[in-house]
Amino acid sequence: MHSTLTEHARCLYGDEYRPTPACDQEHREHYFVEELTFADADAILSMLRELSPHLVDGHLPVWIRNLAYRLVLLQRPDEPALLREAAQNLWLHGPDWDDIAARLTQQAEELEAR
């Protein structure tokens, strides 16, 4: 069993900056997605920042990154910095999500204006 979400992701997808740890478990993506779905925001952000520290790098699939940011924003909807970080991620992997990225940026601006 993996001790953290980050460890599970690193084992499943690899890590651009560290070797993939030896692991004798069978890896199925749906188990990771289940763990991600119920992880708290701190665990998800830790995974994102450790495996993709520069936002454009890392081996996490784009759809996993998008899901991770969505789950974080559901838990922390009123944090402008997180809204902007999620928007940047979408812009990097767009243009399909440019409208969503623009809305997230607008939400961040509205929160800061309050």
PDB file of N, CA and C in Angstrom:
ATOM      1  N   MET A   1       0.839  -1.175   0.000  1.00  0.00           N
ATOM      2  CA  MET A   1       0.000   0.000   0.000  1.00  0.00           C
ATOM      3  C   MET A   1       0.889   1.245   0.000  1.00  0.00           C
ATOM      4  N   HIS A   2       0.507   2.210  -0.773  1.00  0.00           N
ATOM      5  CA  HIS A   2       1.251   3.457  -0.813  1.00  0.00           C
ATOM      6  C   HIS A   2       0.854   4.317   0.378  1.00  0.00           C
ATOM      7  N   SER A   3       1.833   5.009   0.957  1.00  0.00           N
ATOM      8  CA  SER A   3       1.542   5.777   2.165  1.00  0.00           C
ATOM      9  C   SER A   3       0.963   7.159   1.877  1.00  0.00           C
ATOM     10  N   THR A   4       1.167   7.681   0.665  1.00  0.00           N
ATOM     11  CA  THR A   4       0.623   8.996   0.317  1.00  0.00           C
ATOM     12  C   THR A   4       0.080   8.981  -1.108  1.00  0.00           C
ATOM     13  N   LEU A   5      -0.738   9.965  -1.398  1.00  0.00           N
ATOM     14  CA  LEU A   5      -1.246  10.139  -2.757  1.00  0.00           C
ATOM     15  C   LEU A   5      -0.088  10.392  -3.720  1.00  0.00           C
ATOM     16  N   THR A   6       0.868  11.187  -3.299  1.00  0.00           N
ATOM     17  CA  THR A   6       2.036  11.487  -4.135  1.00  0.00           C
ATOM     18  C   THR A   6       2.811  10.216  -4.456  1.00  0.00           C
ATOM     19  N   GLU A   7       3.019   9.392  -3.454  1.00  0.00           N
ATOM     20  CA  GLU A   7       3.738   8.131  -3.659  1.00  0.00           C
ATOM     21  C   GLU A   7       2.987   7.235  -4.648  1.00  0.00           C
ATOM     22  N   HIS A   8       1.674   7.181  -4.513  1.00  0.00           N
ATOM     23  CA  HIS A   8       0.861   6.370  -5.418  1.00  0.00           C
ATOM     24  C   HIS A   8       0.974   6.903  -6.851  1.00  0.00           C
ATOM     25  N   ALA A   9       0.872   8.217  -7.014  1.00  0.00           N
ATOM     26  CA  ALA A   9       0.991   8.823  -8.343  1.00  0.00           C
ATOM     27  C   ALA A   9       2.378   8.590  -8.933  1.00  0.00           C
ATOM     28  N   ARG A  10       3.401   8.748  -8.119  1.00  0.00           N
ATOM     29  CA  ARG A  10       4.777   8.542  -8.598  1.00  0.00           C
ATOM     30  C   ARG A  10       4.974   7.100  -9.049  1.00  0.00           C
ATOM     31  N   CYS A  11       4.420   6.178  -8.323  1.00  0.00           N
ATOM     32  CA  CYS A  11       4.556   4.768  -8.660  1.00  0.00           C
ATOM     33  C   CYS A  11       3.806   4.443  -9.958  1.00  0.00           C
ATOM     34  N   LEU A  12       2.649   5.057 -10.136  1.00  0.00           N
ATOM     35  CA  LEU A  12       1.808   4.781 -11.296  1.00  0.00           C
ATOM     36  C   LEU A  12       2.295   5.495 -12.554  1.00  0.00           C
ATOM     37  N   TYR A  13       2.627   6.778 -12.440  1.00  0.00           N
ATOM     38  CA  TYR A  13       2.948   7.588 -13.617  1.00  0.00           C
ATOM     39  C   TYR A  13       4.426   7.894 -13.785  1.00  0.00           C
ATOM     40  N   GLY A  14       5.212   7.695 -12.733  1.00  0.00           N
ATOM     41  CA  GLY A  14       6.622   8.049 -12.794  1.00  0.00           C
ATOM     42  C   GLY A  14       6.827   9.475 -12.320  1.00  0.00           C
ATOM     43  N   ASP A  15       8.078   9.864 -12.264  1.00  0.00           N
ATOM     44  CA  ASP A  15       8.440  11.191 -11.777  1.00  0.00           C
ATOM     45  C   ASP A  15       9.590  11.694 -12.625  1.00  0.00           C
ATOM     46  N   GLU A  16       9.436  12.878 -13.143  1.00  0.00           N
ATOM     47  CA  GLU A  16      10.458  13.470 -13.997  1.00  0.00           C
ATOM     48  C   GLU A  16      11.740  13.768 -13.227  1.00  0.00           C
ATOM     49  N   TYR A  17      11.650  13.916 -11.913  1.00  0.00           N
ATOM     50  CA  TYR A  17      12.786  14.358 -11.115  1.00  0.00           C
ATOM     51  C   TYR A  17      13.386  13.289 -10.205  1.00  0.00           C
ATOM     52  N   ARG A  18      12.656  12.231  -9.992  1.00  0.00           N
ATOM     53  CA  ARG A  18      13.145  11.141  -9.128  1.00  0.00           C
ATOM     54  C   ARG A  18      12.875   9.812  -9.816  1.00  0.00           C
ATOM     55  N   PRO A  19      13.634   8.806  -9.446  1.00  0.00           N
ATOM     56  CA  PRO A  19      13.339   7.482  -9.996  1.00  0.00           C
ATOM     57  C   PRO A  19      12.012   6.957  -9.454  1.00  0.00           C
ATOM     58  N   THR A  20      11.338   6.185 -10.255  1.00  0.00           N
ATOM     59  CA  THR A  20      10.106   5.541  -9.805  1.00  0.00           C
ATOM     60  C   THR A  20      10.483   4.492  -8.763  1.00  0.00           C
ATOM     61  N   PRO A  21       9.846   4.500  -7.614  1.00  0.00           N
ATOM     62  CA  PRO A  21      10.217   3.547  -6.570  1.00  0.00           C
ATOM     63  C   PRO A  21       9.873   2.114  -6.964  1.00  0.00           C
ATOM     64  N   ALA A  22      10.648   1.203  -6.431  1.00  0.00           N
ATOM     65  CA  ALA A  22      10.331  -0.206  -6.627  1.00  0.00           C
ATOM     66  C   ALA A  22       9.032  -0.498  -5.890  1.00  0.00           C
ATOM     67  N   CYS A  23       8.184  -1.239  -6.535  1.00  0.00           N
ATOM     68  CA  CYS A  23       6.874  -1.510  -5.949  1.00  0.00           C
ATOM     69  C   CYS A  23       6.397  -2.866  -6.441  1.00  0.00           C
ATOM     70  N   ASP A  24       5.906  -3.677  -5.530  1.00  0.00           N
ATOM     71  CA  ASP A  24       5.444  -5.005  -5.921  1.00  0.00           C
ATOM     72  C   ASP A  24       3.927  -5.069  -6.072  1.00  0.00           C
ATOM     73  N   GLN A  25       3.279  -3.914  -6.038  1.00  0.00           N
ATOM     74  CA  GLN A  25       1.823  -3.884  -6.179  1.00  0.00           C
ATOM     75  C   GLN A  25       1.420  -3.835  -7.644  1.00  0.00           C
ATOM     76  N   GLU A  26       0.242  -4.359  -7.906  1.00  0.00           N
ATOM     77  CA  GLU A  26      -0.349  -4.211  -9.229  1.00  0.00           C
ATOM     78  C   GLU A  26      -0.980  -2.821  -9.276  1.00  0.00           C
ATOM     79  N   HIS A  27      -0.711  -2.096 -10.347  1.00  0.00           N
ATOM     80  CA  HIS A  27      -1.220  -0.731 -10.444  1.00  0.00           C
ATOM     81  C   HIS A  27      -2.370  -0.648 -11.434  1.00  0.00           C
ATOM     82  N   ARG A  28      -3.451  -0.155 -10.937  1.00  0.00           N
ATOM     83  CA  ARG A  28      -4.617   0.088 -11.778  1.00  0.00           C
ATOM     84  C   ARG A  28      -5.015   1.535 -11.565  1.00  0.00           C
ATOM     85  N   GLU A  29      -5.140   2.236 -12.659  1.00  0.00           N
ATOM     86  CA  GLU A  29      -5.409   3.663 -12.590  1.00  0.00           C
ATOM     87  C   GLU A  29      -6.683   3.990 -11.815  1.00  0.00           C
ATOM     88  N   HIS A  30      -7.690   3.141 -11.932  1.00  0.00           N
ATOM     89  CA  HIS A  30      -8.940   3.464 -11.249  1.00  0.00           C
ATOM     90  C   HIS A  30      -8.785   3.466  -9.725  1.00  0.00           C
ATOM     91  N   TYR A  31      -7.849   2.700  -9.185  1.00  0.00           N
ATOM     92  CA  TYR A  31      -7.617   2.744  -7.739  1.00  0.00           C
ATOM     93  C   TYR A  31      -7.007   4.085  -7.347  1.00  0.00           C
ATOM     94  N   PHE A  32      -6.092   4.573  -8.181  1.00  0.00           N
ATOM     95  CA  PHE A  32      -5.512   5.878  -7.915  1.00  0.00           C
ATOM     96  C   PHE A  32      -6.584   6.974  -7.998  1.00  0.00           C
ATOM     97  N   VAL A  33      -7.428   6.906  -9.012  1.00  0.00           N
ATOM     98  CA  VAL A  33      -8.481   7.910  -9.181  1.00  0.00           C
ATOM     99  C   VAL A  33      -9.441   7.886  -7.992  1.00  0.00           C
ATOM    100  N   GLU A  34      -9.737   6.711  -7.470  1.00  0.00           N
ATOM    101  CA  GLU A  34     -10.574   6.632  -6.266  1.00  0.00           C
ATOM    102  C   GLU A  34      -9.889   7.326  -5.092  1.00  0.00           C
ATOM    103  N   GLU A  35      -8.601   7.077  -4.918  1.00  0.00           N
ATOM    104  CA  GLU A  35      -7.864   7.711  -3.830  1.00  0.00           C
ATOM    105  C   GLU A  35      -7.832   9.229  -4.023  1.00  0.00           C
ATOM    106  N   LEU A  36      -7.595   9.667  -5.240  1.00  0.00           N
ATOM    107  CA  LEU A  36      -7.585  11.098  -5.558  1.00  0.00           C
ATOM    108  C   LEU A  36      -8.941  11.731  -5.258  1.00  0.00           C
ATOM    109  N   THR A  37     -10.001  11.064  -5.628  1.00  0.00           N
ATOM    110  CA  THR A  37     -11.350  11.590  -5.455  1.00  0.00           C
ATOM    111  C   THR A  37     -11.658  11.927  -3.999  1.00  0.00           C
ATOM    112  N   PHE A  38     -11.160  11.149  -3.074  1.00  0.00           N
ATOM    113  CA  PHE A  38     -11.478  11.348  -1.664  1.00  0.00           C
ATOM    114  C   PHE A  38     -10.331  11.946  -0.860  1.00  0.00           C
ATOM    115  N   ALA A  39      -9.285  12.379  -1.557  1.00  0.00           N
ATOM    116  CA  ALA A  39      -8.144  12.998  -0.872  1.00  0.00           C
ATOM    117  C   ALA A  39      -8.482  14.426  -0.460  1.00  0.00           C
ATOM    118  N   ASP A  40      -7.831  14.888   0.600  1.00  0.00           N
ATOM    119  CA  ASP A  40      -8.050  16.277   0.993  1.00  0.00           C
ATOM    120  C   ASP A  40      -7.195  17.195   0.122  1.00  0.00           C
ATOM    121  N   ALA A  41      -7.524  18.466   0.164  1.00  0.00           N
ATOM    122  CA  ALA A  41      -6.865  19.445  -0.706  1.00  0.00           C
ATOM    123  C   ALA A  41      -5.358  19.490  -0.486  1.00  0.00           C
ATOM    124  N   ASP A  42      -4.903  19.378   0.752  1.00  0.00           N
ATOM    125  CA  ASP A  42      -3.464  19.425   1.022  1.00  0.00           C
ATOM    126  C   ASP A  42      -2.726  18.272   0.357  1.00  0.00           C
ATOM    127  N   ALA A  43      -3.297  17.080   0.406  1.00  0.00           N
ATOM    128  CA  ALA A  43      -2.667  15.911  -0.222  1.00  0.00           C
ATOM    129  C   ALA A  43      -2.615  16.076  -1.737  1.00  0.00           C
ATOM    130  N   ILE A  44      -3.680  16.601  -2.308  1.00  0.00           N
ATOM    131  CA  ILE A  44      -3.722  16.782  -3.758  1.00  0.00           C
ATOM    132  C   ILE A  44      -2.716  17.844  -4.196  1.00  0.00           C
ATOM    133  N   LEU A  45      -2.684  18.957  -3.484  1.00  0.00           N
ATOM    134  CA  LEU A  45      -1.733  20.015  -3.827  1.00  0.00           C
ATOM    135  C   LEU A  45      -0.295  19.551  -3.654  1.00  0.00           C
ATOM    136  N   SER A  46      -0.048  18.777  -2.632  1.00  0.00           N
ATOM    137  CA  SER A  46       1.292  18.223  -2.423  1.00  0.00           C
ATOM    138  C   SER A  46       1.708  17.371  -3.617  1.00  0.00           C
ATOM    139  N   MET A  47       0.799  16.530  -4.092  1.00  0.00           N
ATOM    140  CA  MET A  47       1.082  15.681  -5.251  1.00  0.00           C
ATOM    141  C   MET A  47       1.363  16.538  -6.485  1.00  0.00           C
ATOM    142  N   LEU A  48       0.487  17.497  -6.743  1.00  0.00           N
ATOM    143  CA  LEU A  48       0.658  18.344  -7.928  1.00  0.00           C
ATOM    144  C   LEU A  48       1.977  19.102  -7.886  1.00  0.00           C
ATOM    145  N   ARG A  49       2.293  19.656  -6.756  1.00  0.00           N
ATOM    146  CA  ARG A  49       3.498  20.496  -6.649  1.00  0.00           C
ATOM    147  C   ARG A  49       4.782  19.690  -6.606  1.00  0.00           C
ATOM    148  N   GLU A  50       4.703  18.486  -6.101  1.00  0.00           N
ATOM    149  CA  GLU A  50       5.909  17.657  -6.081  1.00  0.00           C
ATOM    150  C   GLU A  50       6.176  17.012  -7.441  1.00  0.00           C
ATOM    151  N   LEU A  51       5.129  16.564  -8.111  1.00  0.00           N
ATOM    152  CA  LEU A  51       5.319  15.862  -9.382  1.00  0.00           C
ATOM    153  C   LEU A  51       5.322  16.804 -10.588  1.00  0.00           C
ATOM    154  N   SER A  52       4.797  18.011 -10.414  1.00  0.00           N
ATOM    155  CA  SER A  52       4.790  19.009 -11.497  1.00  0.00           C
ATOM    156  C   SER A  52       5.136  20.376 -10.908  1.00  0.00           C
ATOM    157  N   PRO A  53       6.349  20.533 -10.403  1.00  0.00           N
ATOM    158  CA  PRO A  53       6.679  21.768  -9.689  1.00  0.00           C
ATOM    159  C   PRO A  53       6.675  23.029 -10.548  1.00  0.00           C
ATOM    160  N   HIS A  54       6.789  22.870 -11.845  1.00  0.00           N
ATOM    161  CA  HIS A  54       6.815  24.045 -12.728  1.00  0.00           C
ATOM    162  C   HIS A  54       5.579  24.115 -13.612  1.00  0.00           C
ATOM    163  N   LEU A  55       4.546  23.401 -13.265  1.00  0.00           N
ATOM    164  CA  LEU A  55       3.250  23.374 -13.931  1.00  0.00           C
ATOM    165  C   LEU A  55       3.304  22.783 -15.336  1.00  0.00           C
ATOM    166  N   VAL A  56       4.360  23.032 -16.080  1.00  0.00           N
ATOM    167  CA  VAL A  56       4.428  22.520 -17.454  1.00  0.00           C
ATOM    168  C   VAL A  56       5.134  21.178 -17.529  1.00  0.00           C
ATOM    169  N   ASP A  57       5.676  20.714 -16.430  1.00  0.00           N
ATOM    170  CA  ASP A  57       6.458  19.494 -16.454  1.00  0.00           C
ATOM    171  C   ASP A  57       5.721  18.351 -15.777  1.00  0.00           C
ATOM    172  N   GLY A  58       6.415  17.263 -15.637  1.00  0.00           N
ATOM    173  CA  GLY A  58       5.857  16.123 -14.940  1.00  0.00           C
ATOM    174  C   GLY A  58       5.207  15.124 -15.882  1.00  0.00           C
ATOM    175  N   HIS A  59       4.925  13.966 -15.323  1.00  0.00           N
ATOM    176  CA  HIS A  59       4.344  12.874 -16.102  1.00  0.00           C
ATOM    177  C   HIS A  59       2.873  12.618 -15.797  1.00  0.00           C
ATOM    178  N   LEU A  60       2.278  13.439 -14.944  1.00  0.00           N
ATOM    179  CA  LEU A  60       0.851  13.248 -14.676  1.00  0.00           C
ATOM    180  C   LEU A  60       0.064  13.531 -15.948  1.00  0.00           C
ATOM    181  N   PRO A  61      -0.853  12.655 -16.313  1.00  0.00           N
ATOM    182  CA  PRO A  61      -1.687  12.936 -17.487  1.00  0.00           C
ATOM    183  C   PRO A  61      -2.491  14.224 -17.280  1.00  0.00           C
ATOM    184  N   VAL A  62      -2.742  14.911 -18.363  1.00  0.00           N
ATOM    185  CA  VAL A  62      -3.471  16.177 -18.300  1.00  0.00           C
ATOM    186  C   VAL A  62      -4.825  15.985 -17.616  1.00  0.00           C
ATOM    187  N   TRP A  63      -5.510  14.905 -17.932  1.00  0.00           N
ATOM    188  CA  TRP A  63      -6.834  14.719 -17.341  1.00  0.00           C
ATOM    189  C   TRP A  63      -6.754  14.513 -15.833  1.00  0.00           C
ATOM    190  N   ILE A  64      -5.671  13.921 -15.344  1.00  0.00           N
ATOM    191  CA  ILE A  64      -5.473  13.759 -13.903  1.00  0.00           C
ATOM    192  C   ILE A  64      -5.210  15.122 -13.269  1.00  0.00           C
ATOM    193  N   ARG A  65      -4.392  15.943 -13.916  1.00  0.00           N
ATOM    194  CA  ARG A  65      -4.141  17.297 -13.402  1.00  0.00           C
ATOM    195  C   ARG A  65      -5.437  18.098 -13.331  1.00  0.00           C
ATOM    196  N   ASN A  66      -6.208  18.047 -14.406  1.00  0.00           N
ATOM    197  CA  ASN A  66      -7.468  18.796 -14.435  1.00  0.00           C
ATOM    198  C   ASN A  66      -8.411  18.330 -13.331  1.00  0.00           C
ATOM    199  N   LEU A  67      -8.531  17.026 -13.166  1.00  0.00           N
ATOM    200  CA  LEU A  67      -9.383  16.480 -12.115  1.00  0.00           C
ATOM    201  C   LEU A  67      -8.869  16.896 -10.743  1.00  0.00           C
ATOM    202  N   ALA A  68      -7.581  16.826 -10.552  1.00  0.00           N
ATOM    203  CA  ALA A  68      -6.993  17.190  -9.261  1.00  0.00           C
ATOM    204  C   ALA A  68      -7.299  18.649  -8.916  1.00  0.00           C
ATOM    205  N   TYR A  69      -7.097  19.538  -9.882  1.00  0.00           N
ATOM    206  CA  TYR A  69      -7.411  20.949  -9.607  1.00  0.00           C
ATOM    207  C   TYR A  69      -8.895  21.144  -9.347  1.00  0.00           C
ATOM    208  N   ARG A  70      -9.732  20.455 -10.069  1.00  0.00           N
ATOM    209  CA  ARG A  70     -11.179  20.582  -9.847  1.00  0.00           C
ATOM    210  C   ARG A  70     -11.541  20.145  -8.430  1.00  0.00           C
ATOM    211  N   LEU A  71     -10.957  19.044  -7.985  1.00  0.00           N
ATOM    212  CA  LEU A  71     -11.237  18.548  -6.638  1.00  0.00           C
ATOM    213  C   LEU A  71     -10.721  19.511  -5.575  1.00  0.00           C
ATOM    214  N   VAL A  72      -9.573  20.107  -5.809  1.00  0.00           N
ATOM    215  CA  VAL A  72      -9.042  21.093  -4.861  1.00  0.00           C
ATOM    216  C   VAL A  72      -9.967  22.304  -4.788  1.00  0.00           C
ATOM    217  N   LEU A  73     -10.423  22.784  -5.954  1.00  0.00           N
ATOM    218  CA  LEU A  73     -11.281  23.968  -5.964  1.00  0.00           C
ATOM    219  C   LEU A  73     -12.651  23.699  -5.352  1.00  0.00           C
ATOM    220  N   LEU A  74     -13.123  22.485  -5.411  1.00  0.00           N
ATOM    221  CA  LEU A  74     -14.372  22.155  -4.727  1.00  0.00           C
ATOM    222  C   LEU A  74     -14.202  22.244  -3.212  1.00  0.00           C
ATOM    223  N   GLN A  75     -12.999  21.926  -2.740  1.00  0.00           N
ATOM    224  CA  GLN A  75     -12.724  21.980  -1.306  1.00  0.00           C
ATOM    225  C   GLN A  75     -12.332  23.380  -0.836  1.00  0.00           C
ATOM    226  N   ARG A  76     -11.731  24.146  -1.722  1.00  0.00           N
ATOM    227  CA  ARG A  76     -11.266  25.495  -1.385  1.00  0.00           C
ATOM    228  C   ARG A  76     -11.692  26.491  -2.476  1.00  0.00           C
ATOM    229  N   PRO A  77     -12.971  26.766  -2.566  1.00  0.00           N
ATOM    230  CA  PRO A  77     -13.469  27.596  -3.665  1.00  0.00           C
ATOM    231  C   PRO A  77     -13.163  29.088  -3.546  1.00  0.00           C
ATOM    232  N   ASP A  78     -12.719  29.519  -2.380  1.00  0.00           N
ATOM    233  CA  ASP A  78     -12.537  30.950  -2.152  1.00  0.00           C
ATOM    234  C   ASP A  78     -11.076  31.364  -2.031  1.00  0.00           C
ATOM    235  N   GLU A  79     -10.181  30.656  -2.696  1.00  0.00           N
ATOM    236  CA  GLU A  79      -8.760  30.988  -2.643  1.00  0.00           C
ATOM    237  C   GLU A  79      -8.295  31.455  -4.017  1.00  0.00           C
ATOM    238  N   PRO A  80      -8.143  32.770  -4.186  1.00  0.00           N
ATOM    239  CA  PRO A  80      -7.757  33.311  -5.493  1.00  0.00           C
ATOM    240  C   PRO A  80      -6.472  32.711  -6.069  1.00  0.00           C
ATOM    241  N   ALA A  81      -5.492  32.460  -5.234  1.00  0.00           N
ATOM    242  CA  ALA A  81      -4.231  31.902  -5.738  1.00  0.00           C
ATOM    243  C   ALA A  81      -4.455  30.517  -6.355  1.00  0.00           C
ATOM    244  N   LEU A  82      -5.286  29.703  -5.734  1.00  0.00           N
ATOM    245  CA  LEU A  82      -5.581  28.374  -6.279  1.00  0.00           C
ATOM    246  C   LEU A  82      -6.399  28.473  -7.564  1.00  0.00           C
ATOM    247  N   LEU A  83      -7.339  29.413  -7.602  1.00  0.00           N
ATOM    248  CA  LEU A  83      -8.115  29.618  -8.824  1.00  0.00           C
ATOM    249  C   LEU A  83      -7.188  29.978  -9.988  1.00  0.00           C
ATOM    250  N   ARG A  84      -6.230  30.846  -9.721  1.00  0.00           N
ATOM    251  CA  ARG A  84      -5.284  31.248 -10.776  1.00  0.00           C
ATOM    252  C   ARG A  84      -4.360  30.092 -11.186  1.00  0.00           C
ATOM    253  N   GLU A  85      -3.928  29.328 -10.219  1.00  0.00           N
ATOM    254  CA  GLU A  85      -3.064  28.178 -10.512  1.00  0.00           C
ATOM    255  C   GLU A  85      -3.801  27.160 -11.391  1.00  0.00           C
ATOM    256  N   ALA A  86      -5.047  26.899 -11.053  1.00  0.00           N
ATOM    257  CA  ALA A  86      -5.855  25.982 -11.866  1.00  0.00           C
ATOM    258  C   ALA A  86      -6.063  26.546 -13.263  1.00  0.00           C
ATOM    259  N   ALA A  87      -6.306  27.848 -13.357  1.00  0.00           N
ATOM    260  CA  ALA A  87      -6.485  28.492 -14.666  1.00  0.00           C
ATOM    261  C   ALA A  87      -5.217  28.373 -15.502  1.00  0.00           C
ATOM    262  N   GLN A  88      -4.063  28.588 -14.901  1.00  0.00           N
ATOM    263  CA  GLN A  88      -2.800  28.458 -15.642  1.00  0.00           C
ATOM    264  C   GLN A  88      -2.626  27.052 -16.176  1.00  0.00           C
ATOM    265  N   ASN A  89      -2.967  26.062 -15.358  1.00  0.00           N
ATOM    266  CA  ASN A  89      -2.886  24.681 -15.806  1.00  0.00           C
ATOM    267  C   ASN A  89      -3.771  24.458 -17.031  1.00  0.00           C
ATOM    268  N   LEU A  90      -4.979  24.986 -16.999  1.00  0.00           N
ATOM    269  CA  LEU A  90      -5.889  24.816 -18.131  1.00  0.00           C
ATOM    270  C   LEU A  90      -5.374  25.521 -19.377  1.00  0.00           C
ATOM    271  N   TRP A  91      -4.835  26.714 -19.222  1.00  0.00           N
ATOM    272  CA  TRP A  91      -4.308  27.437 -20.384  1.00  0.00           C
ATOM    273  C   TRP A  91      -3.130  26.700 -21.013  1.00  0.00           C
ATOM    274  N   LEU A  92      -2.329  26.056 -20.194  1.00  0.00           N
ATOM    275  CA  LEU A  92      -1.174  25.323 -20.724  1.00  0.00           C
ATOM    276  C   LEU A  92      -1.595  24.118 -21.564  1.00  0.00           C
ATOM    277  N   HIS A  93      -2.754  23.593 -21.273  1.00  0.00           N
ATOM    278  CA  HIS A  93      -3.187  22.367 -21.943  1.00  0.00           C
ATOM    279  C   HIS A  93      -4.445  22.583 -22.774  1.00  0.00           C
ATOM    280  N   GLY A  94      -4.715  23.816 -23.143  1.00  0.00           N
ATOM    281  CA  GLY A  94      -5.908  24.175 -23.915  1.00  0.00           C
ATOM    282  C   GLY A  94      -5.675  24.006 -25.391  1.00  0.00           C
ATOM    283  N   PRO A  95      -6.446  24.626 -26.212  1.00  0.00           N
ATOM    284  CA  PRO A  95      -7.378  25.716 -25.937  1.00  0.00           C
ATOM    285  C   PRO A  95      -8.780  25.244 -25.563  1.00  0.00           C
ATOM    286  N   ASP A  96      -8.979  23.966 -25.446  1.00  0.00           N
ATOM    287  CA  ASP A  96     -10.317  23.449 -25.144  1.00  0.00           C
ATOM    288  C   ASP A  96     -10.908  24.022 -23.855  1.00  0.00           C
ATOM    289  N   TRP A  97     -10.043  24.399 -22.916  1.00  0.00           N
ATOM    290  CA  TRP A  97     -10.518  24.838 -21.610  1.00  0.00           C
ATOM    291  C   TRP A  97     -10.278  26.322 -21.365  1.00  0.00           C
ATOM    292  N   ASP A  98      -9.968  27.087 -22.425  1.00  0.00           N
ATOM    293  CA  ASP A  98      -9.670  28.506 -22.235  1.00  0.00           C
ATOM    294  C   ASP A  98     -10.830  29.268 -21.606  1.00  0.00           C
ATOM    295  N   ASP A  99     -12.048  28.926 -21.966  1.00  0.00           N
ATOM    296  CA  ASP A  99     -13.201  29.628 -21.381  1.00  0.00           C
ATOM    297  C   ASP A  99     -13.318  29.341 -19.885  1.00  0.00           C
ATOM    298  N   ILE A 100     -13.023  28.129 -19.486  1.00  0.00           N
ATOM    299  CA  ILE A 100     -13.066  27.780 -18.059  1.00  0.00           C
ATOM    300  C   ILE A 100     -11.934  28.493 -17.329  1.00  0.00           C
ATOM    301  N   ALA A 101     -10.758  28.537 -17.940  1.00  0.00           N
ATOM    302  CA  ALA A 101      -9.620  29.237 -17.339  1.00  0.00           C
ATOM    303  C   ALA A 101      -9.940  30.716 -17.158  1.00  0.00           C
ATOM    304  N   ALA A 102     -10.583  31.321 -18.133  1.00  0.00           N
ATOM    305  CA  ALA A 102     -10.959  32.734 -18.030  1.00  0.00           C
ATOM    306  C   ALA A 102     -11.957  32.942 -16.893  1.00  0.00           C
ATOM    307  N   ARG A 103     -12.903  32.033 -16.743  1.00  0.00           N
ATOM    308  CA  ARG A 103     -13.880  32.140 -15.644  1.00  0.00           C
ATOM    309  C   ARG A 103     -13.200  32.009 -14.279  1.00  0.00           C
ATOM    310  N   LEU A 104     -12.245  31.092 -14.180  1.00  0.00           N
ATOM    311  CA  LEU A 104     -11.527  30.929 -12.916  1.00  0.00           C
ATOM    312  C   LEU A 104     -10.741  32.191 -12.569  1.00  0.00           C
ATOM    313  N   THR A 105     -10.113  32.787 -13.560  1.00  0.00           N
ATOM    314  CA  THR A 105      -9.365  34.020 -13.348  1.00  0.00           C
ATOM    315  C   THR A 105     -10.307  35.147 -12.925  1.00  0.00           C
ATOM    316  N   GLN A 106     -11.459  35.214 -13.559  1.00  0.00           N
ATOM    317  CA  GLN A 106     -12.456  36.217 -13.201  1.00  0.00           C
ATOM    318  C   GLN A 106     -12.940  36.022 -11.775  1.00  0.00           C
ATOM    319  N   GLN A 107     -13.169  34.776 -11.379  1.00  0.00           N
ATOM    320  CA  GLN A 107     -13.576  34.478  -9.994  1.00  0.00           C
ATOM    321  C   GLN A 107     -12.511  34.948  -9.011  1.00  0.00           C
ATOM    322  N   ALA A 108     -11.247  34.708  -9.341  1.00  0.00           N
ATOM    323  CA  ALA A 108     -10.154  35.140  -8.467  1.00  0.00           C
ATOM    324  C   ALA A 108     -10.166  36.660  -8.313  1.00  0.00           C
ATOM    325  N   GLU A 109     -10.351  37.360  -9.409  1.00  0.00           N
ATOM    326  CA  GLU A 109     -10.391  38.823  -9.361  1.00  0.00           C
ATOM    327  C   GLU A 109     -11.564  39.324  -8.536  1.00  0.00           C
ATOM    328  N   GLU A 110     -12.711  38.684  -8.684  1.00  0.00           N
ATOM    329  CA  GLU A 110     -13.894  39.083  -7.911  1.00  0.00           C
ATOM    330  C   GLU A 110     -13.694  38.837  -6.419  1.00  0.00           C
ATOM    331  N   LEU A 111     -13.076  37.715  -6.082  1.00  0.00           N
ATOM    332  CA  LEU A 111     -12.803  37.427  -4.671  1.00  0.00           C
ATOM    333  C   LEU A 111     -11.852  38.456  -4.067  1.00  0.00           C
ATOM    334  N   GLU A 112     -10.856  38.826  -4.824  1.00  0.00           N
ATOM    335  CA  GLU A 112      -9.877  39.797  -4.320  1.00  0.00           C
ATOM    336  C   GLU A 112     -10.482  41.202  -4.202  1.00  0.00           C
ATOM    337  N   ALA A 113     -11.473  41.495  -5.033  1.00  0.00           N
ATOM    338  CA  ALA A 113     -12.107  42.813  -5.002  1.00  0.00           C
ATOM    339  C   ALA A 113     -13.030  42.986  -3.799  1.00  0.00           C
ATOM    340  N   ARG A 114     -13.435  41.903  -3.184  1.00  0.00           N
ATOM    341  CA  ARG A 114     -14.359  41.979  -2.029  1.00  0.00           C
ATOM    342  C   ARG A 114     -13.676  42.527  -0.812  1.00  0.00           C
TER     343      ARG A 114
END
